[in-house]
PDB file of N, CA and C in Angstrom:
ATOM      1  N   MET A   1      -3.730  11.730   3.080  1.00  0.00           N
ATOM      2  CA  MET A   1      -3.394  10.642   2.190  1.00  0.00           C
ATOM      3  C   MET A   1      -3.718   9.324   2.880  1.00  0.00           C
ATOM      4  N   LYS A   2      -4.395   8.447   2.165  1.00  0.00           N
ATOM      5  CA  LYS A   2      -4.748   7.143   2.714  1.00  0.00           C
ATOM      6  C   LYS A   2      -4.051   6.054   1.905  1.00  0.00           C
ATOM      7  N   LEU A   3      -3.272   5.233   2.612  1.00  0.00           N
ATOM      8  CA  LEU A   3      -2.574   4.114   1.983  1.00  0.00           C
ATOM      9  C   LEU A   3      -3.169   2.833   2.538  1.00  0.00           C
ATOM     10  N   GLU A   4      -3.613   1.966   1.655  1.00  0.00           N
ATOM     11  CA  GLU A   4      -4.223   0.713   2.089  1.00  0.00           C
ATOM     12  C   GLU A   4      -3.365  -0.464   1.648  1.00  0.00           C
ATOM     13  N   ILE A   5      -3.102  -1.355   2.572  1.00  0.00           N
ATOM     14  CA  ILE A   5      -2.374  -2.588   2.294  1.00  0.00           C
ATOM     15  C   ILE A   5      -3.428  -3.675   2.159  1.00  0.00           C
ATOM     16  N   LEU A   6      -3.531  -4.274   0.993  1.00  0.00           N
ATOM     17  CA  LEU A   6      -4.527  -5.310   0.751  1.00  0.00           C
ATOM     18  C   LEU A   6      -3.881  -6.675   0.921  1.00  0.00           C
ATOM     19  N   GLY A   7      -4.454  -7.497   1.794  1.00  0.00           N
ATOM     20  CA  GLY A   7      -3.913  -8.837   1.971  1.00  0.00           C
ATOM     21  C   GLY A   7      -4.486  -9.541   3.178  1.00  0.00           C
ATOM     22  N   SER A   8      -4.315 -10.848   3.170  1.00  0.00           N
ATOM     23  CA  SER A   8      -4.901 -11.687   4.215  1.00  0.00           C
ATOM     24  C   SER A   8      -4.077 -11.720   5.498  1.00  0.00           C
ATOM     25  N   GLY A   9      -2.863 -11.220   5.446  1.00  0.00           N
ATOM     26  CA  GLY A   9      -1.997 -11.263   6.624  1.00  0.00           C
ATOM     27  C   GLY A   9      -0.802 -12.176   6.419  1.00  0.00           C
ATOM     28  N   CYS A  10      -0.544 -12.548   5.179  1.00  0.00           N
ATOM     29  CA  CYS A  10       0.603 -13.408   4.866  1.00  0.00           C
ATOM     30  C   CYS A  10       1.906 -12.647   5.083  1.00  0.00           C
ATOM     31  N   ALA A  11       3.018 -13.339   4.978  1.00  0.00           N
ATOM     32  CA  ALA A  11       4.330 -12.726   5.208  1.00  0.00           C
ATOM     33  C   ALA A  11       4.585 -11.562   4.249  1.00  0.00           C
ATOM     34  N   ASN A  12       4.223 -11.723   2.985  1.00  0.00           N
ATOM     35  CA  ASN A  12       4.437 -10.645   2.015  1.00  0.00           C
ATOM     36  C   ASN A  12       3.567  -9.436   2.309  1.00  0.00           C
ATOM     37  N   CYS A  13       2.353  -9.686   2.797  1.00  0.00           N
ATOM     38  CA  CYS A  13       1.460  -8.574   3.153  1.00  0.00           C
ATOM     39  C   CYS A  13       2.051  -7.773   4.314  1.00  0.00           C
ATOM     40  N   LYS A  14       2.582  -8.485   5.292  1.00  0.00           N
ATOM     41  CA  LYS A  14       3.210  -7.825   6.448  1.00  0.00           C
ATOM     42  C   LYS A  14       4.465  -7.069   6.025  1.00  0.00           C
ATOM     43  N   LYS A  15       5.219  -7.636   5.079  1.00  0.00           N
ATOM     44  CA  LYS A  15       6.425  -6.967   4.591  1.00  0.00           C
ATOM     45  C   LYS A  15       6.058  -5.676   3.859  1.00  0.00           C
ATOM     46  N   LEU A  16       5.008  -5.737   3.028  1.00  0.00           N
ATOM     47  CA  LEU A  16       4.570  -4.535   2.309  1.00  0.00           C
ATOM     48  C   LEU A  16       4.105  -3.464   3.290  1.00  0.00           C
ATOM     49  N   GLU A  17       3.412  -3.870   4.338  1.00  0.00           N
ATOM     50  CA  GLU A  17       2.959  -2.913   5.348  1.00  0.00           C
ATOM     51  C   GLU A  17       4.163  -2.238   6.014  1.00  0.00           C
ATOM     52  N   ALA A  18       5.178  -3.028   6.359  1.00  0.00           N
ATOM     53  CA  ALA A  18       6.373  -2.476   7.006  1.00  0.00           C
ATOM     54  C   ALA A  18       7.116  -1.521   6.074  1.00  0.00           C
ATOM     55  N   VAL A  19       7.272  -1.920   4.822  1.00  0.00           N
ATOM     56  CA  VAL A  19       7.973  -1.080   3.834  1.00  0.00           C
ATOM     57  C   VAL A  19       7.215   0.226   3.627  1.00  0.00           C
ATOM     58  N   THR A  20       5.891   0.139   3.559  1.00  0.00           N
ATOM     59  CA  THR A  20       5.070   1.334   3.352  1.00  0.00           C
ATOM     60  C   THR A  20       5.177   2.285   4.544  1.00  0.00           C
ATOM     61  N   LYS A  21       5.116   1.741   5.752  1.00  0.00           N
ATOM     62  CA  LYS A  21       5.242   2.582   6.944  1.00  0.00           C
ATOM     63  C   LYS A  21       6.613   3.242   7.016  1.00  0.00           C
ATOM     64  N   GLU A  22       7.660   2.504   6.617  1.00  0.00           N
ATOM     65  CA  GLU A  22       9.016   3.085   6.582  1.00  0.00           C
ATOM     66  C   GLU A  22       9.071   4.248   5.604  1.00  0.00           C
ATOM     67  N   ALA A  23       8.522   4.040   4.408  1.00  0.00           N
ATOM     68  CA  ALA A  23       8.544   5.080   3.377  1.00  0.00           C
ATOM     69  C   ALA A  23       7.787   6.316   3.836  1.00  0.00           C
ATOM     70  N   VAL A  24       6.622   6.119   4.450  1.00  0.00           N
ATOM     71  CA  VAL A  24       5.829   7.243   4.954  1.00  0.00           C
ATOM     72  C   VAL A  24       6.619   7.994   6.029  1.00  0.00           C
ATOM     73  N   GLY A  25       7.274   7.240   6.910  1.00  0.00           N
ATOM     74  CA  GLY A  25       8.079   7.859   7.968  1.00  0.00           C
ATOM     75  C   GLY A  25       9.229   8.677   7.419  1.00  0.00           C
ATOM     76  N   GLU A  26       9.909   8.135   6.414  1.00  0.00           N
ATOM     77  CA  GLU A  26      11.044   8.853   5.823  1.00  0.00           C
ATOM     78  C   GLU A  26      10.600  10.096   5.069  1.00  0.00           C
ATOM     79  N   LEU A  27       9.412  10.034   4.467  1.00  0.00           N
ATOM     80  CA  LEU A  27       8.893  11.196   3.748  1.00  0.00           C
ATOM     81  C   LEU A  27       8.257  12.210   4.695  1.00  0.00           C
ATOM     82  N   ALA A  28       8.084  11.818   5.958  1.00  0.00           N
ATOM     83  CA  ALA A  28       7.509  12.682   7.000  1.00  0.00           C
ATOM     84  C   ALA A  28       6.164  13.259   6.576  1.00  0.00           C
ATOM     85  N   ILE A  29       5.277  12.372   6.125  1.00  0.00           N
ATOM     86  CA  ILE A  29       3.935  12.798   5.731  1.00  0.00           C
ATOM     87  C   ILE A  29       3.046  12.703   6.967  1.00  0.00           C
ATOM     88  N   ALA A  30       2.737  13.847   7.535  1.00  0.00           N
ATOM     89  CA  ALA A  30       2.016  13.888   8.804  1.00  0.00           C
ATOM     90  C   ALA A  30       0.587  13.368   8.698  1.00  0.00           C
ATOM     91  N   ASP A  31      -0.071  13.627   7.573  1.00  0.00           N
ATOM     92  CA  ASP A  31      -1.475  13.250   7.456  1.00  0.00           C
ATOM     93  C   ASP A  31      -1.684  11.908   6.760  1.00  0.00           C
ATOM     94  N   ALA A  32      -0.633  11.093   6.646  1.00  0.00           N
ATOM     95  CA  ALA A  32      -0.757   9.785   5.997  1.00  0.00           C
ATOM     96  C   ALA A  32      -1.379   8.779   6.955  1.00  0.00           C
ATOM     97  N   GLU A  33      -2.319   8.018   6.426  1.00  0.00           N
ATOM     98  CA  GLU A  33      -2.994   6.982   7.204  1.00  0.00           C
ATOM     99  C   GLU A  33      -2.734   5.647   6.509  1.00  0.00           C
ATOM    100  N   VAL A  34      -2.078   4.720   7.214  1.00  0.00           N
ATOM    101  CA  VAL A  34      -1.809   3.397   6.664  1.00  0.00           C
ATOM    102  C   VAL A  34      -2.819   2.421   7.262  1.00  0.00           C
ATOM    103  N   VAL A  35      -3.605   1.797   6.393  1.00  0.00           N
ATOM    104  CA  VAL A  35      -4.681   0.913   6.819  1.00  0.00           C
ATOM    105  C   VAL A  35      -4.479  -0.469   6.210  1.00  0.00           C
ATOM    106  N   LYS A  36      -4.675  -1.500   7.038  1.00  0.00           N
ATOM    107  CA  LYS A  36      -4.584  -2.873   6.536  1.00  0.00           C
ATOM    108  C   LYS A  36      -5.990  -3.362   6.211  1.00  0.00           C
ATOM    109  N   VAL A  37      -6.180  -3.840   4.985  1.00  0.00           N
ATOM    110  CA  VAL A  37      -7.475  -4.348   4.538  1.00  0.00           C
ATOM    111  C   VAL A  37      -7.356  -5.853   4.356  1.00  0.00           C
ATOM    112  N   THR A  38      -8.079  -6.618   5.182  1.00  0.00           N
ATOM    113  CA  THR A  38      -8.002  -8.075   5.109  1.00  0.00           C
ATOM    114  C   THR A  38      -9.287  -8.702   4.583  1.00  0.00           C
ATOM    115  N   ASP A  39     -10.342  -7.918   4.449  1.00  0.00           N
ATOM    116  CA  ASP A  39     -11.620  -8.429   3.969  1.00  0.00           C
ATOM    117  C   ASP A  39     -11.534  -8.738   2.474  1.00  0.00           C
ATOM    118  N   MET A  40     -11.735 -10.002   2.115  1.00  0.00           N
ATOM    119  CA  MET A  40     -11.572 -10.416   0.723  1.00  0.00           C
ATOM    120  C   MET A  40     -12.559  -9.727  -0.217  1.00  0.00           C
ATOM    121  N   LYS A  41     -13.773  -9.437   0.249  1.00  0.00           N
ATOM    122  CA  LYS A  41     -14.734  -8.718  -0.600  1.00  0.00           C
ATOM    123  C   LYS A  41     -14.221  -7.324  -0.920  1.00  0.00           C
ATOM    124  N   ALA A  42     -13.658  -6.662   0.084  1.00  0.00           N
ATOM    125  CA  ALA A  42     -13.108  -5.315  -0.117  1.00  0.00           C
ATOM    126  C   ALA A  42     -11.920  -5.358  -1.074  1.00  0.00           C
ATOM    127  N   ILE A  43     -11.066  -6.368  -0.903  1.00  0.00           N
ATOM    128  CA  ILE A  43      -9.889  -6.505  -1.773  1.00  0.00           C
ATOM    129  C   ILE A  43     -10.335  -6.740  -3.213  1.00  0.00           C
ATOM    130  N   MET A  44     -11.292  -7.638  -3.398  1.00  0.00           N
ATOM    131  CA  MET A  44     -11.785  -7.930  -4.748  1.00  0.00           C
ATOM    132  C   MET A  44     -12.523  -6.733  -5.339  1.00  0.00           C
ATOM    133  N   GLY A  45     -13.063  -5.880  -4.461  1.00  0.00           N
ATOM    134  CA  GLY A  45     -13.719  -4.660  -4.921  1.00  0.00           C
ATOM    135  C   GLY A  45     -12.760  -3.730  -5.648  1.00  0.00           C
ATOM    136  N   TYR A  46     -11.485  -3.852  -5.332  1.00  0.00           N
ATOM    137  CA  TYR A  46     -10.453  -3.059  -6.020  1.00  0.00           C
ATOM    138  C   TYR A  46      -9.996  -3.745  -7.304  1.00  0.00           C
ATOM    139  N   GLY A  47     -10.479  -4.965  -7.545  1.00  0.00           N
ATOM    140  CA  GLY A  47     -10.059  -5.693  -8.738  1.00  0.00           C
ATOM    141  C   GLY A  47      -8.723  -6.392  -8.565  1.00  0.00           C
ATOM    142  N   VAL A  48      -8.266  -6.504  -7.331  1.00  0.00           N
ATOM    143  CA  VAL A  48      -6.990  -7.150  -7.055  1.00  0.00           C
ATOM    144  C   VAL A  48      -7.226  -8.649  -6.897  1.00  0.00           C
ATOM    145  N   MET A  49      -6.557  -9.429  -7.751  1.00  0.00           N
ATOM    146  CA  MET A  49      -6.729 -10.879  -7.709  1.00  0.00           C
ATOM    147  C   MET A  49      -5.594 -11.575  -6.961  1.00  0.00           C
ATOM    148  N   SER A  50      -4.454 -10.908  -6.852  1.00  0.00           N
ATOM    149  CA  SER A  50      -3.346 -11.505  -6.094  1.00  0.00           C
ATOM    150  C   SER A  50      -2.763 -10.461  -5.150  1.00  0.00           C
ATOM    151  N   THR A  51      -2.589 -10.875  -3.910  1.00  0.00           N
ATOM    152  CA  THR A  51      -2.080  -9.969  -2.879  1.00  0.00           C
ATOM    153  C   THR A  51      -0.590 -10.207  -2.699  1.00  0.00           C
ATOM    154  N   PRO A  52       0.140  -9.310  -2.089  1.00  0.00           N
ATOM    155  CA  PRO A  52      -0.352  -8.074  -1.469  1.00  0.00           C
ATOM    156  C   PRO A  52      -0.628  -6.992  -2.506  1.00  0.00           C
ATOM    157  N   GLY A  53      -1.441  -6.046  -2.099  1.00  0.00           N
ATOM    158  CA  GLY A  53      -1.740  -4.916  -2.954  1.00  0.00           C
ATOM    159  C   GLY A  53      -1.540  -3.619  -2.187  1.00  0.00           C
ATOM    160  N   LEU A  54      -1.212  -2.573  -2.921  1.00  0.00           N
ATOM    161  CA  LEU A  54      -1.037  -1.252  -2.325  1.00  0.00           C
ATOM    162  C   LEU A  54      -1.968  -0.286  -3.043  1.00  0.00           C
ATOM    163  N   VAL A  55      -2.797   0.393  -2.247  1.00  0.00           N
ATOM    164  CA  VAL A  55      -3.749   1.365  -2.784  1.00  0.00           C
ATOM    165  C   VAL A  55      -3.419   2.717  -2.166  1.00  0.00           C
ATOM    166  N   ILE A  56      -3.269   3.723  -3.009  1.00  0.00           N
ATOM    167  CA  ILE A  56      -2.998   5.076  -2.521  1.00  0.00           C
ATOM    168  C   ILE A  56      -4.168   5.962  -2.941  1.00  0.00           C
ATOM    169  N   ASP A  57      -4.842   6.514  -1.961  1.00  0.00           N
ATOM    170  CA  ASP A  57      -6.003   7.386  -2.190  1.00  0.00           C
ATOM    171  C   ASP A  57      -7.006   6.770  -3.160  1.00  0.00           C
ATOM    172  N   GLY A  58      -7.313   5.479  -2.942  1.00  0.00           N
ATOM    173  CA  GLY A  58      -8.331   4.807  -3.732  1.00  0.00           C
ATOM    174  C   GLY A  58      -7.871   4.224  -5.054  1.00  0.00           C
ATOM    175  N   LYS A  59      -6.596   4.397  -5.395  1.00  0.00           N
ATOM    176  CA  LYS A  59      -6.074   3.899  -6.672  1.00  0.00           C
ATOM    177  C   LYS A  59      -5.073   2.770  -6.427  1.00  0.00           C
ATOM    178  N   VAL A  60      -5.288   1.616  -7.063  1.00  0.00           N
ATOM    179  CA  VAL A  60      -4.366   0.492  -6.930  1.00  0.00           C
ATOM    180  C   VAL A  60      -3.077   0.838  -7.685  1.00  0.00           C
ATOM    181  N   VAL A  61      -1.953   0.833  -6.961  1.00  0.00           N
ATOM    182  CA  VAL A  61      -0.671   1.163  -7.592  1.00  0.00           C
ATOM    183  C   VAL A  61       0.267  -0.036  -7.672  1.00  0.00           C
ATOM    184  N   SER A  62      -0.055  -1.106  -6.951  1.00  0.00           N
ATOM    185  CA  SER A  62       0.768  -2.309  -6.987  1.00  0.00           C
ATOM    186  C   SER A  62      -0.060  -3.493  -6.505  1.00  0.00           C
ATOM    187  N   SER A  63       0.147  -4.663  -7.137  1.00  0.00           N
ATOM    188  CA  SER A  63      -0.513  -5.867  -6.636  1.00  0.00           C
ATOM    189  C   SER A  63       0.282  -7.098  -7.051  1.00  0.00           C
ATOM    190  N   GLY A  64       0.182  -8.117  -6.210  1.00  0.00           N
ATOM    191  CA  GLY A  64       0.811  -9.392  -6.512  1.00  0.00           C
ATOM    192  C   GLY A  64       2.291  -9.495  -6.215  1.00  0.00           C
ATOM    193  N   ARG A  65       2.866  -8.450  -5.618  1.00  0.00           N
ATOM    194  CA  ARG A  65       4.292  -8.474  -5.298  1.00  0.00           C
ATOM    195  C   ARG A  65       4.583  -7.439  -4.208  1.00  0.00           C
ATOM    196  N   VAL A  66       5.800  -7.521  -3.663  1.00  0.00           N
ATOM    197  CA  VAL A  66       6.226  -6.548  -2.662  1.00  0.00           C
ATOM    198  C   VAL A  66       7.228  -5.606  -3.334  1.00  0.00           C
ATOM    199  N   PRO A  67       6.823  -4.377  -3.622  1.00  0.00           N
ATOM    200  CA  PRO A  67       7.761  -3.426  -4.216  1.00  0.00           C
ATOM    201  C   PRO A  67       8.818  -3.014  -3.199  1.00  0.00           C
ATOM    202  N   SER A  68       9.957  -2.571  -3.701  1.00  0.00           N
ATOM    203  CA  SER A  68      11.036  -2.110  -2.819  1.00  0.00           C
ATOM    204  C   SER A  68      10.609  -0.825  -2.120  1.00  0.00           C
ATOM    205  N   LYS A  69      11.333  -0.472  -1.063  1.00  0.00           N
ATOM    206  CA  LYS A  69      11.020   0.770  -0.346  1.00  0.00           C
ATOM    207  C   LYS A  69      11.187   1.967  -1.277  1.00  0.00           C
ATOM    208  N   ALA A  70      12.201   1.922  -2.134  1.00  0.00           N
ATOM    209  CA  ALA A  70      12.424   3.017  -3.081  1.00  0.00           C
ATOM    210  C   ALA A  70      11.235   3.159  -4.036  1.00  0.00           C
ATOM    211  N   GLU A  71      10.693   2.021  -4.469  1.00  0.00           N
ATOM    212  CA  GLU A  71       9.549   2.060  -5.372  1.00  0.00           C
ATOM    213  C   GLU A  71       8.308   2.585  -4.656  1.00  0.00           C
ATOM    214  N   VAL A  72       8.086   2.151  -3.413  1.00  0.00           N
ATOM    215  CA  VAL A  72       6.946   2.640  -2.632  1.00  0.00           C
ATOM    216  C   VAL A  72       7.086   4.145  -2.408  1.00  0.00           C
ATOM    217  N   THR A  73       8.286   4.585  -2.096  1.00  0.00           N
ATOM    218  CA  THR A  73       8.542   6.022  -1.909  1.00  0.00           C
ATOM    219  C   THR A  73       8.195   6.785  -3.174  1.00  0.00           C
ATOM    220  N   SER A  74       8.602   6.260  -4.317  1.00  0.00           N
ATOM    221  CA  SER A  74       8.320   6.893  -5.606  1.00  0.00           C
ATOM    222  C   SER A  74       6.817   6.935  -5.877  1.00  0.00           C
ATOM    223  N   LEU A  75       6.107   5.850  -5.579  1.00  0.00           N
ATOM    224  CA  LEU A  75       4.651   5.808  -5.787  1.00  0.00           C
ATOM    225  C   LEU A  75       3.944   6.837  -4.925  1.00  0.00           C
ATOM    226  N   ILE A  76       4.394   6.965  -3.672  1.00  0.00           N
ATOM    227  CA  ILE A  76       3.800   7.946  -2.755  1.00  0.00           C
ATOM    228  C   ILE A  76       4.085   9.361  -3.235  1.00  0.00           C
ATOM    229  N   THR A  77       5.321   9.616  -3.624  1.00  0.00           N
ATOM    230  CA  THR A  77       5.711  10.949  -4.110  1.00  0.00           C
ATOM    231  C   THR A  77       4.906  11.326  -5.348  1.00  0.00           C
ATOM    232  N   THR A  78       4.729  10.367  -6.250  1.00  0.00           N
ATOM    233  CA  THR A  78       3.937  10.611  -7.462  1.00  0.00           C
ATOM    234  C   THR A  78       2.496  10.942  -7.095  1.00  0.00           C
ATOM    235  N   ALA A  79       1.929  10.187  -6.156  1.00  0.00           N
ATOM    236  CA  ALA A  79       0.542  10.434  -5.733  1.00  0.00           C
ATOM    237  C   ALA A  79       0.404  11.808  -5.087  1.00  0.00           C
ATOM    238  N   LEU A  80       1.407  12.240  -4.373  1.00  0.00           N
ATOM    239  CA  LEU A  80       1.360  13.553  -3.718  1.00  0.00           C
ATOM    240  C   LEU A  80       1.381  14.696  -4.737  1.00  0.00           C
ATOM    241  N   SER A  81       2.054  14.468  -5.861  1.00  0.00           N
ATOM    242  CA  SER A  81       2.213  15.541  -6.844  1.00  0.00           C
ATOM    243  C   SER A  81       1.019  15.663  -7.789  1.00  0.00           C
ATOM    244  N   VAL A  82       0.075  14.726  -7.691  1.00  0.00           N
ATOM    245  CA  VAL A  82      -1.081  14.751  -8.598  1.00  0.00           C
ATOM    246  C   VAL A  82      -2.130  15.718  -8.094  1.00  0.00           C
TER     247      VAL A  82
END
């Protein structure tokens, strides 16, 4: 599973990265890879106009806000069940 944090490095982007890493740790997903994407061309390639954004296995699941840890956990769990 690949989770990408889209953002320039602002406070909200860092918060989303921390929340995502916490959720992955609590779910004990051994093969999860959390990657920070700061390249604006790459971010715009996903169609994300406002950061931070969260991409799970190539699919944008959140953008423009920092979801709660519970919401990130739910998004990851949903992606795993697909």
